[in-house]
């Protein structure tokens, strides 16, 4: 079933935009609720350990959002490229009908 490149480009563009908006929403909700780092001890070793623990908890979430943003950006760029291809037909099987 051949698909016009403009339609496929619009679909990819909106999918990428939706993924970007969702990932920014997730990032905002995750990082707006984070409590501030309060160091209660005068011991530098405990303070450093606490900071490393906070960073270790945040890093997987940050990497997840970064991957989602990268995928959304790639989808959007491919959608824009396909939208610029006027009159061409995309066929998933590689044969044009």
C-alpha atoms as a PDB file:
ATOM      1  CA  UNK A   1       0.000   0.000   0.000  1.00  0.00           C
ATOM      2  CA  UNK A   2       1.877   3.099  -1.171  1.00  0.00           C
ATOM      3  CA  UNK A   3       1.751   6.209   0.989  1.00  0.00           C
ATOM      4  CA  UNK A   4       2.345   9.767  -0.184  1.00  0.00           C
ATOM      5  CA  UNK A   5       5.535  11.120   1.333  1.00  0.00           C
ATOM      6  CA  UNK A   6       3.778  14.326   2.425  1.00  0.00           C
ATOM      7  CA  UNK A   7       1.206  12.388   4.484  1.00  0.00           C
ATOM      8  CA  UNK A   8       3.868  10.176   6.007  1.00  0.00           C
ATOM      9  CA  UNK A   9       5.951  13.256   6.760  1.00  0.00           C
ATOM     10  CA  UNK A  10       3.049  14.943   8.536  1.00  0.00           C
ATOM     11  CA  UNK A  11       2.410  11.798  10.552  1.00  0.00           C
ATOM     12  CA  UNK A  12       6.067  11.557  11.635  1.00  0.00           C
ATOM     13  CA  UNK A  13       6.192  15.277  12.375  1.00  0.00           C
ATOM     14  CA  UNK A  14       3.170  15.115  14.673  1.00  0.00           C
ATOM     15  CA  UNK A  15       4.392  11.901  16.334  1.00  0.00           C
ATOM     16  CA  UNK A  16       7.749  13.523  17.040  1.00  0.00           C
ATOM     17  CA  UNK A  17       6.102  16.688  18.341  1.00  0.00           C
ATOM     18  CA  UNK A  18       3.795  14.659  20.594  1.00  0.00           C
ATOM     19  CA  UNK A  19       6.738  12.676  21.953  1.00  0.00           C
ATOM     20  CA  UNK A  20       8.646  15.887  22.653  1.00  0.00           C
ATOM     21  CA  UNK A  21       5.697  17.473  24.443  1.00  0.00           C
ATOM     22  CA  UNK A  22       5.089  14.345  26.517  1.00  0.00           C
ATOM     23  CA  UNK A  23       8.752  14.072  27.490  1.00  0.00           C
ATOM     24  CA  UNK A  24       8.933  17.741  28.482  1.00  0.00           C
ATOM     25  CA  UNK A  25       5.763  17.296  30.530  1.00  0.00           C
ATOM     26  CA  UNK A  26       7.219  14.265  32.290  1.00  0.00           C
ATOM     27  CA  UNK A  27      10.459  16.140  32.959  1.00  0.00           C
ATOM     28  CA  UNK A  28       8.583  19.145  34.356  1.00  0.00           C
ATOM     29  CA  UNK A  29       6.472  16.990  36.668  1.00  0.00           C
ATOM     30  CA  UNK A  30       9.468  14.968  37.825  1.00  0.00           C
ATOM     31  CA  UNK A  31      11.771  17.878  38.540  1.00  0.00           C
ATOM     32  CA  UNK A  32       9.230  20.371  39.886  1.00  0.00           C
ATOM     33  CA  UNK A  33       8.422  18.052  42.782  1.00  0.00           C
ATOM     34  CA  UNK A  34      12.027  17.364  43.791  1.00  0.00           C
ATOM     35  CA  UNK A  35      12.887  18.573  47.245  1.00  0.00           C
ATOM     36  CA  UNK A  36      15.901  20.778  47.728  1.00  0.00           C
ATOM     37  CA  UNK A  37      19.145  19.261  48.872  1.00  0.00           C
ATOM     38  CA  UNK A  38      19.648  20.033  52.551  1.00  0.00           C
ATOM     39  CA  UNK A  39      22.847  18.949  54.183  1.00  0.00           C
ATOM     40  CA  UNK A  40      22.244  18.582  57.910  1.00  0.00           C
ATOM     41  CA  UNK A  41      25.570  17.210  59.009  1.00  0.00           C
ATOM     42  CA  UNK A  42      28.811  19.100  59.364  1.00  0.00           C
ATOM     43  CA  UNK A  43      30.727  16.029  58.197  1.00  0.00           C
ATOM     44  CA  UNK A  44      31.976  16.417  54.615  1.00  0.00           C
ATOM     45  CA  UNK A  45      31.952  12.668  53.967  1.00  0.00           C
ATOM     46  CA  UNK A  46      28.247  12.344  54.829  1.00  0.00           C
ATOM     47  CA  UNK A  47      27.426  15.430  52.764  1.00  0.00           C
ATOM     48  CA  UNK A  48      29.306  14.081  49.745  1.00  0.00           C
ATOM     49  CA  UNK A  49      27.643  10.668  50.111  1.00  0.00           C
ATOM     50  CA  UNK A  50      24.226  12.302  50.246  1.00  0.00           C
ATOM     51  CA  UNK A  51      24.914  14.357  47.114  1.00  0.00           C
ATOM     52  CA  UNK A  52      26.111  11.276  45.227  1.00  0.00           C
ATOM     53  CA  UNK A  53      22.920   9.454  46.282  1.00  0.00           C
ATOM     54  CA  UNK A  54      20.734  12.299  44.975  1.00  0.00           C
ATOM     55  CA  UNK A  55      22.620  12.360  41.659  1.00  0.00           C
ATOM     56  CA  UNK A  56      22.369   8.583  41.334  1.00  0.00           C
ATOM     57  CA  UNK A  57      18.596   8.771  41.818  1.00  0.00           C
ATOM     58  CA  UNK A  58      18.161  11.578  39.248  1.00  0.00           C
ATOM     59  CA  UNK A  59      20.451  10.242  36.520  1.00  0.00           C
ATOM     60  CA  UNK A  60      18.249   7.388  35.186  1.00  0.00           C
ATOM     61  CA  UNK A  61      15.247   9.719  34.898  1.00  0.00           C
ATOM     62  CA  UNK A  62      17.351  12.347  33.179  1.00  0.00           C
ATOM     63  CA  UNK A  63      18.719   9.805  30.700  1.00  0.00           C
ATOM     64  CA  UNK A  64      15.206   8.494  29.974  1.00  0.00           C
ATOM     65  CA  UNK A  65      13.957  11.991  29.155  1.00  0.00           C
ATOM     66  CA  UNK A  66      17.067  12.650  27.030  1.00  0.00           C
ATOM     67  CA  UNK A  67      16.418   9.494  24.978  1.00  0.00           C
ATOM     68  CA  UNK A  68      12.764  10.461  24.492  1.00  0.00           C
ATOM     69  CA  UNK A  69      13.755  13.959  23.344  1.00  0.00           C
ATOM     70  CA  UNK A  70      16.333  12.540  20.928  1.00  0.00           C
ATOM     71  CA  UNK A  71      13.828  10.119  19.397  1.00  0.00           C
ATOM     72  CA  UNK A  72      11.223  12.878  19.114  1.00  0.00           C
ATOM     73  CA  UNK A  73      13.736  15.149  17.403  1.00  0.00           C
ATOM     74  CA  UNK A  74      14.728  12.440  14.932  1.00  0.00           C
ATOM     75  CA  UNK A  75      11.085  11.720  14.106  1.00  0.00           C
ATOM     76  CA  UNK A  76      10.414  15.403  13.548  1.00  0.00           C
ATOM     77  CA  UNK A  77      13.427  15.840  11.269  1.00  0.00           C
ATOM     78  CA  UNK A  78      12.503  12.784   9.185  1.00  0.00           C
ATOM     79  CA  UNK A  79       8.940  14.074   8.960  1.00  0.00           C
ATOM     80  CA  UNK A  80      10.151  17.438   7.676  1.00  0.00           C
ATOM     81  CA  UNK A  81      12.381  15.755   5.084  1.00  0.00           C
ATOM     82  CA  UNK A  82       9.487  13.605   3.870  1.00  0.00           C
ATOM     83  CA  UNK A  83       7.161  16.599   3.710  1.00  0.00           C
ATOM     84  CA  UNK A  84       9.602  18.382   1.392  1.00  0.00           C
ATOM     85  CA  UNK A  85       9.509  15.470  -1.075  1.00  0.00           C
ATOM     86  CA  UNK A  86       6.710  16.657  -3.354  1.00  0.00           C
ATOM     87  CA  UNK A  87       4.853  14.087  -5.433  1.00  0.00           C
ATOM     88  CA  UNK A  88       6.932  11.085  -4.404  1.00  0.00           C
ATOM     89  CA  UNK A  89       5.285   7.912  -3.162  1.00  0.00           C
ATOM     90  CA  UNK A  90       6.622   5.777  -0.322  1.00  0.00           C
ATOM     91  CA  UNK A  91       6.046   2.059  -0.541  1.00  0.00           C
ATOM     92  CA  UNK A  92       7.063  -0.074   2.463  1.00  0.00           C
ATOM     93  CA  UNK A  93       7.795  -3.079   0.247  1.00  0.00           C
ATOM     94  CA  UNK A  94      10.146  -1.130  -1.985  1.00  0.00           C
ATOM     95  CA  UNK A  95       8.003  -1.534  -5.102  1.00  0.00           C
ATOM     96  CA  UNK A  96       5.942   1.277  -6.546  1.00  0.00           C
ATOM     97  CA  UNK A  97       2.496   0.536  -7.867  1.00  0.00           C
END
